[in-house]
């Protein structure tokens, strides 16, 4: 049901509803995965179908969060985030750290990397006029 709710929420222009829907889907996915892992062997065909349903549902949730992140990154300040990040440039901050930049979003990795796609994982902060993911 949460999936259908997010379809309607997209037309409201309220990104908080999309995040709420994605969190509900994630919660349902966690429970489904636990139940399927422990009891799925009872019905092997169901085990297989629920496993794939979980993957599809998680993909939908991930795309919702990515859409909100791209359009409203301020909603993620103070939260742990994880997403694929394609930097367009590298800037050196005053303290000497490298920041990978793509539009209003930056990523500060523990180990400097180049301009290749990387997995940004950490806490989102708002500093230096950007939304920055600081790897922890």
Foldseek 3Di string as FASTA:
>chain_A
DLVVVLVVVVVVPDLVSLLVSLVVLVVVLVVLVVCLVVPVVVPVVVSVVSVVVSVVSNVVSVVSVVVCCVVPVVVQAFHKDKDKDQFPDWDQDPVGFIWGDDPQEIEGEPDDDDRGIDIQTAGWHCPPSHTYGYHD
